[in-house]
N, C-alpha and C. Protein backbone atom coordinates (compact mmCIF):
# COMPACT_ATOMS: atom_id res chain seq x y z
N GLY A 1 115.66 -14.20 -55.56
CA GLY A 1 116.47 -14.75 -54.54
C GLY A 1 115.98 -16.08 -53.99
N ALA A 2 115.46 -16.96 -54.82
CA ALA A 2 114.98 -18.26 -54.36
C ALA A 2 116.03 -19.34 -54.61
N VAL A 3 116.03 -20.35 -53.77
CA VAL A 3 116.85 -21.54 -53.96
C VAL A 3 115.94 -22.60 -54.55
N CYS A 4 116.25 -23.05 -55.75
CA CYS A 4 115.45 -24.08 -56.41
C CYS A 4 115.90 -25.46 -55.95
N VAL A 5 114.93 -26.34 -55.75
CA VAL A 5 115.21 -27.72 -55.34
C VAL A 5 114.79 -28.63 -56.49
N TRP A 6 115.76 -29.41 -56.97
CA TRP A 6 115.54 -30.27 -58.12
C TRP A 6 115.57 -31.73 -57.70
N GLY A 7 114.69 -32.53 -58.29
CA GLY A 7 114.68 -33.95 -58.06
C GLY A 7 115.70 -34.65 -58.94
N LEU A 8 115.93 -35.93 -58.70
CA LEU A 8 116.90 -36.69 -59.48
C LEU A 8 116.50 -36.82 -60.94
N SER A 9 115.21 -36.67 -61.24
CA SER A 9 114.75 -36.74 -62.62
C SER A 9 114.98 -35.44 -63.37
N GLY A 10 115.38 -34.39 -62.66
CA GLY A 10 115.58 -33.09 -63.28
C GLY A 10 114.38 -32.17 -63.16
N ALA A 11 113.34 -32.64 -62.50
CA ALA A 11 112.13 -31.83 -62.33
C ALA A 11 112.27 -30.91 -61.11
N LEU A 12 111.76 -29.71 -61.25
CA LEU A 12 111.73 -28.77 -60.14
C LEU A 12 110.71 -29.26 -59.12
N VAL A 13 111.15 -29.47 -57.87
CA VAL A 13 110.24 -30.00 -56.86
C VAL A 13 109.89 -28.96 -55.78
N GLY A 14 110.58 -27.83 -55.77
CA GLY A 14 110.25 -26.81 -54.79
C GLY A 14 111.19 -25.64 -54.87
N GLN A 15 110.84 -24.59 -54.13
CA GLN A 15 111.67 -23.40 -54.03
C GLN A 15 111.71 -22.94 -52.59
N CYS A 16 112.89 -22.55 -52.15
CA CYS A 16 113.07 -21.97 -50.82
C CYS A 16 113.19 -20.45 -51.03
N LYS A 17 112.19 -19.72 -50.59
CA LYS A 17 112.17 -18.28 -50.81
C LYS A 17 112.45 -17.56 -49.50
N GLY A 18 113.50 -16.72 -49.51
CA GLY A 18 113.85 -16.01 -48.29
C GLY A 18 114.81 -14.86 -48.52
N HIS A 19 115.34 -14.75 -49.74
CA HIS A 19 116.28 -13.69 -50.07
C HIS A 19 115.64 -12.68 -51.02
N SER A 20 116.05 -11.43 -50.91
CA SER A 20 115.53 -10.39 -51.81
C SER A 20 116.43 -10.15 -53.01
N LYS A 21 117.64 -10.73 -53.00
CA LYS A 21 118.56 -10.62 -54.13
C LYS A 21 119.13 -12.00 -54.43
N GLY A 22 120.02 -12.08 -55.41
CA GLY A 22 120.56 -13.35 -55.87
C GLY A 22 121.28 -14.15 -54.80
N VAL A 23 121.16 -15.47 -54.90
CA VAL A 23 121.84 -16.40 -53.99
C VAL A 23 123.23 -16.68 -54.53
N THR A 24 124.25 -16.54 -53.69
CA THR A 24 125.64 -16.70 -54.12
C THR A 24 126.35 -17.90 -53.50
N GLY A 25 125.72 -18.55 -52.54
CA GLY A 25 126.35 -19.70 -51.91
C GLY A 25 125.34 -20.64 -51.29
N LEU A 26 125.62 -21.93 -51.37
CA LEU A 26 124.81 -22.97 -50.72
C LEU A 26 125.75 -23.96 -50.06
N ALA A 27 125.41 -24.40 -48.88
CA ALA A 27 126.21 -25.41 -48.19
C ALA A 27 125.34 -26.07 -47.14
N THR A 28 125.72 -27.27 -46.72
CA THR A 28 125.01 -27.94 -45.64
C THR A 28 125.93 -28.04 -44.43
N LEU A 29 125.33 -27.87 -43.27
CA LEU A 29 126.05 -28.01 -42.00
C LEU A 29 125.08 -28.62 -41.02
N GLN A 30 125.50 -29.72 -40.41
CA GLN A 30 124.65 -30.49 -39.52
C GLN A 30 123.41 -30.92 -40.30
N ASP A 31 122.22 -30.61 -39.85
CA ASP A 31 121.02 -31.05 -40.55
C ASP A 31 120.32 -29.93 -41.30
N ARG A 32 121.05 -28.85 -41.61
CA ARG A 32 120.44 -27.70 -42.27
C ARG A 32 121.19 -27.33 -43.55
N MET A 33 120.43 -26.77 -44.49
CA MET A 33 121.05 -26.15 -45.64
C MET A 33 121.14 -24.65 -45.34
N TRP A 34 122.23 -24.05 -45.73
CA TRP A 34 122.45 -22.61 -45.56
C TRP A 34 122.54 -21.98 -46.94
N SER A 35 122.02 -20.79 -47.09
CA SER A 35 122.17 -20.04 -48.34
C SER A 35 122.64 -18.63 -48.02
N ALA A 36 123.57 -18.12 -48.82
CA ALA A 36 124.08 -16.76 -48.68
C ALA A 36 123.63 -15.95 -49.89
N SER A 37 123.48 -14.63 -49.70
CA SER A 37 122.91 -13.83 -50.76
C SER A 37 123.57 -12.47 -50.91
N LEU A 38 123.34 -11.87 -52.07
CA LEU A 38 123.77 -10.50 -52.33
C LEU A 38 123.01 -9.49 -51.47
N ASP A 39 121.91 -9.93 -50.85
CA ASP A 39 121.16 -9.02 -49.96
C ASP A 39 121.80 -8.91 -48.57
N GLY A 40 122.93 -9.62 -48.35
CA GLY A 40 123.64 -9.54 -47.08
C GLY A 40 123.07 -10.40 -45.98
N THR A 41 122.25 -11.38 -46.34
CA THR A 41 121.69 -12.28 -45.32
C THR A 41 122.10 -13.72 -45.60
N ILE A 42 121.98 -14.53 -44.55
CA ILE A 42 122.11 -15.98 -44.65
C ILE A 42 120.79 -16.55 -44.16
N CYS A 43 120.23 -17.50 -44.91
CA CYS A 43 119.02 -18.19 -44.48
C CYS A 43 119.38 -19.63 -44.15
N PHE A 44 118.62 -20.20 -43.21
CA PHE A 44 118.80 -21.59 -42.78
C PHE A 44 117.53 -22.34 -43.15
N TRP A 45 117.69 -23.52 -43.74
CA TRP A 45 116.56 -24.27 -44.28
C TRP A 45 116.52 -25.69 -43.72
N SER A 46 115.31 -26.18 -43.51
CA SER A 46 115.13 -27.58 -43.13
C SER A 46 115.23 -28.44 -44.40
N ALA A 47 115.26 -29.74 -44.21
CA ALA A 47 115.36 -30.66 -45.35
C ALA A 47 114.15 -30.55 -46.27
N ASP A 48 113.01 -30.13 -45.74
CA ASP A 48 111.81 -30.00 -46.59
C ASP A 48 111.61 -28.58 -47.13
N GLY A 49 112.61 -27.71 -46.99
CA GLY A 49 112.55 -26.39 -47.60
C GLY A 49 111.94 -25.29 -46.76
N GLU A 50 111.69 -25.56 -45.50
CA GLU A 50 111.13 -24.54 -44.60
C GLU A 50 112.24 -23.62 -44.10
N CYS A 51 112.01 -22.32 -44.17
CA CYS A 51 112.99 -21.36 -43.66
C CYS A 51 112.95 -21.40 -42.14
N LEU A 52 114.07 -21.79 -41.53
CA LEU A 52 114.15 -21.91 -40.07
C LEU A 52 114.64 -20.62 -39.42
N GLY A 53 115.22 -19.73 -40.22
CA GLY A 53 115.73 -18.48 -39.67
C GLY A 53 116.64 -17.79 -40.65
N ARG A 54 117.03 -16.58 -40.29
CA ARG A 54 117.93 -15.81 -41.14
C ARG A 54 118.72 -14.85 -40.29
N THR A 55 119.89 -14.49 -40.80
CA THR A 55 120.72 -13.53 -40.09
C THR A 55 120.22 -12.12 -40.39
N LYS A 56 120.63 -11.19 -39.57
CA LYS A 56 120.37 -9.78 -39.82
C LYS A 56 121.09 -9.38 -41.10
N SER A 57 120.48 -8.51 -41.86
CA SER A 57 121.09 -8.05 -43.10
C SER A 57 122.36 -7.26 -42.82
N LEU A 58 123.43 -7.62 -43.50
CA LEU A 58 124.70 -6.92 -43.36
C LEU A 58 124.89 -5.95 -44.53
N VAL A 59 125.73 -4.98 -44.35
CA VAL A 59 125.96 -3.97 -45.38
C VAL A 59 126.58 -4.58 -46.63
N ASN A 60 127.53 -5.49 -46.46
CA ASN A 60 128.24 -6.04 -47.60
C ASN A 60 127.67 -7.40 -48.00
N PRO A 61 127.43 -7.58 -49.31
CA PRO A 61 126.88 -8.84 -49.80
C PRO A 61 127.85 -10.00 -49.64
N PHE A 62 127.30 -11.19 -49.48
CA PHE A 62 128.11 -12.40 -49.43
C PHE A 62 128.41 -12.86 -50.85
N ARG A 63 129.63 -13.33 -51.08
CA ARG A 63 130.04 -13.81 -52.39
C ARG A 63 130.31 -15.31 -52.42
N CYS A 64 130.57 -15.91 -51.26
CA CYS A 64 130.89 -17.33 -51.24
C CYS A 64 130.62 -17.91 -49.85
N MET A 65 130.58 -19.24 -49.80
CA MET A 65 130.25 -19.94 -48.55
C MET A 65 130.92 -21.31 -48.56
N LEU A 66 131.37 -21.75 -47.39
CA LEU A 66 132.02 -23.06 -47.25
C LEU A 66 131.71 -23.62 -45.87
N ALA A 67 131.33 -24.89 -45.81
CA ALA A 67 131.16 -25.59 -44.54
C ALA A 67 132.42 -26.41 -44.27
N ALA A 68 133.04 -26.17 -43.10
CA ALA A 68 134.25 -26.90 -42.73
C ALA A 68 134.42 -26.86 -41.22
N ASN A 69 134.87 -27.97 -40.64
CA ASN A 69 135.17 -28.06 -39.21
C ASN A 69 134.01 -27.62 -38.32
N GLU A 70 132.81 -28.09 -38.67
CA GLU A 70 131.60 -27.79 -37.87
C GLU A 70 131.27 -26.31 -37.84
N ARG A 71 131.76 -25.55 -38.79
CA ARG A 71 131.50 -24.11 -38.88
C ARG A 71 131.15 -23.76 -40.32
N MET A 72 130.49 -22.62 -40.49
CA MET A 72 130.22 -22.08 -41.82
C MET A 72 131.10 -20.85 -42.00
N TRP A 73 131.71 -20.75 -43.15
CA TRP A 73 132.60 -19.64 -43.49
C TRP A 73 131.98 -18.89 -44.65
N THR A 74 132.00 -17.56 -44.60
CA THR A 74 131.50 -16.75 -45.70
C THR A 74 132.52 -15.69 -46.09
N GLY A 75 132.53 -15.33 -47.36
CA GLY A 75 133.38 -14.26 -47.87
C GLY A 75 132.51 -13.17 -48.47
N SER A 76 132.96 -11.93 -48.35
CA SER A 76 132.13 -10.81 -48.79
C SER A 76 132.85 -9.88 -49.76
N ASP A 77 132.07 -8.97 -50.34
CA ASP A 77 132.60 -7.97 -51.27
C ASP A 77 133.68 -7.09 -50.64
N ARG A 78 133.60 -6.86 -49.36
CA ARG A 78 134.54 -5.96 -48.69
C ARG A 78 135.77 -6.67 -48.15
N GLY A 79 135.98 -7.91 -48.53
CA GLY A 79 137.18 -8.62 -48.12
C GLY A 79 137.13 -9.21 -46.72
N VAL A 80 135.95 -9.32 -46.15
CA VAL A 80 135.80 -9.86 -44.80
C VAL A 80 135.38 -11.32 -44.88
N VAL A 81 136.07 -12.17 -44.12
CA VAL A 81 135.67 -13.58 -43.95
C VAL A 81 135.03 -13.69 -42.58
N ARG A 82 133.84 -14.27 -42.54
CA ARG A 82 133.15 -14.47 -41.26
C ARG A 82 133.03 -15.97 -41.01
N ILE A 83 133.14 -16.33 -39.74
CA ILE A 83 132.97 -17.72 -39.32
C ILE A 83 131.74 -17.77 -38.44
N TRP A 84 130.84 -18.71 -38.75
CA TRP A 84 129.54 -18.82 -38.09
C TRP A 84 129.44 -20.15 -37.36
N GLY A 85 128.80 -20.13 -36.21
CA GLY A 85 128.52 -21.35 -35.47
C GLY A 85 127.33 -22.08 -36.05
N GLY A 86 127.13 -23.31 -35.64
CA GLY A 86 126.06 -24.15 -36.17
C GLY A 86 124.66 -23.62 -35.95
N ALA A 87 124.47 -22.75 -34.98
CA ALA A 87 123.15 -22.17 -34.72
C ALA A 87 122.93 -20.87 -35.47
N GLY A 88 123.92 -20.46 -36.28
CA GLY A 88 123.77 -19.24 -37.08
C GLY A 88 124.34 -17.99 -36.45
N GLU A 89 125.08 -18.13 -35.37
CA GLU A 89 125.69 -16.97 -34.72
C GLU A 89 127.09 -16.73 -35.29
N MET A 90 127.41 -15.47 -35.59
CA MET A 90 128.74 -15.15 -36.08
C MET A 90 129.71 -15.24 -34.90
N THR A 91 130.80 -16.00 -35.08
CA THR A 91 131.74 -16.19 -33.98
C THR A 91 133.05 -15.43 -34.19
N VAL A 92 133.47 -15.27 -35.45
CA VAL A 92 134.74 -14.59 -35.74
C VAL A 92 134.59 -13.78 -37.01
N LYS A 93 135.19 -12.58 -37.01
CA LYS A 93 135.26 -11.75 -38.22
C LYS A 93 136.73 -11.56 -38.54
N CYS A 94 137.16 -12.00 -39.72
CA CYS A 94 138.55 -11.93 -40.15
C CYS A 94 138.70 -10.84 -41.20
N ARG A 95 139.53 -9.85 -40.91
CA ARG A 95 139.77 -8.75 -41.85
C ARG A 95 141.22 -8.81 -42.32
N GLY A 96 141.48 -8.27 -43.48
CA GLY A 96 142.85 -8.23 -43.97
C GLY A 96 142.94 -8.23 -45.49
N HIS A 97 141.95 -8.83 -46.16
CA HIS A 97 141.97 -8.81 -47.62
C HIS A 97 141.67 -7.38 -48.10
N THR A 98 142.33 -6.98 -49.16
CA THR A 98 142.10 -5.64 -49.69
C THR A 98 141.07 -5.64 -50.80
N GLN A 99 140.67 -6.81 -51.26
CA GLN A 99 139.63 -6.95 -52.29
C GLN A 99 138.58 -7.93 -51.76
N GLY A 100 137.49 -8.05 -52.50
CA GLY A 100 136.43 -8.98 -52.12
C GLY A 100 136.92 -10.41 -52.09
N VAL A 101 136.28 -11.24 -51.27
CA VAL A 101 136.59 -12.66 -51.17
C VAL A 101 135.54 -13.40 -51.98
N ALA A 102 135.95 -14.03 -53.09
CA ALA A 102 135.01 -14.68 -54.00
C ALA A 102 135.04 -16.20 -53.91
N CYS A 103 135.99 -16.76 -53.17
CA CYS A 103 136.09 -18.22 -53.07
C CYS A 103 136.75 -18.59 -51.76
N LEU A 104 136.27 -19.63 -51.14
CA LEU A 104 136.86 -20.15 -49.89
C LEU A 104 137.23 -21.60 -50.08
């Protein structure tokens, strides 16, 4: 569950380690990179790869992630779309899909 950081030359320059399962989404919002995972967590990273925090593990894994309108949006296996604030707090939970949400 690591996020690999590659340089422009194609060389691996670092890894952001914070997930216990595969990473399914990456996006930037404000001055942070966000990563979503099959372990049901979101991690927040500084520009130099330091883990700044993570959300509580949720039951359903994240399948996708999108940054839009100063918010982060995630889709899950259970058909739930969540909207997160810039500080990592979940602000809205949208239910209604009958299948998993794989793309936003």
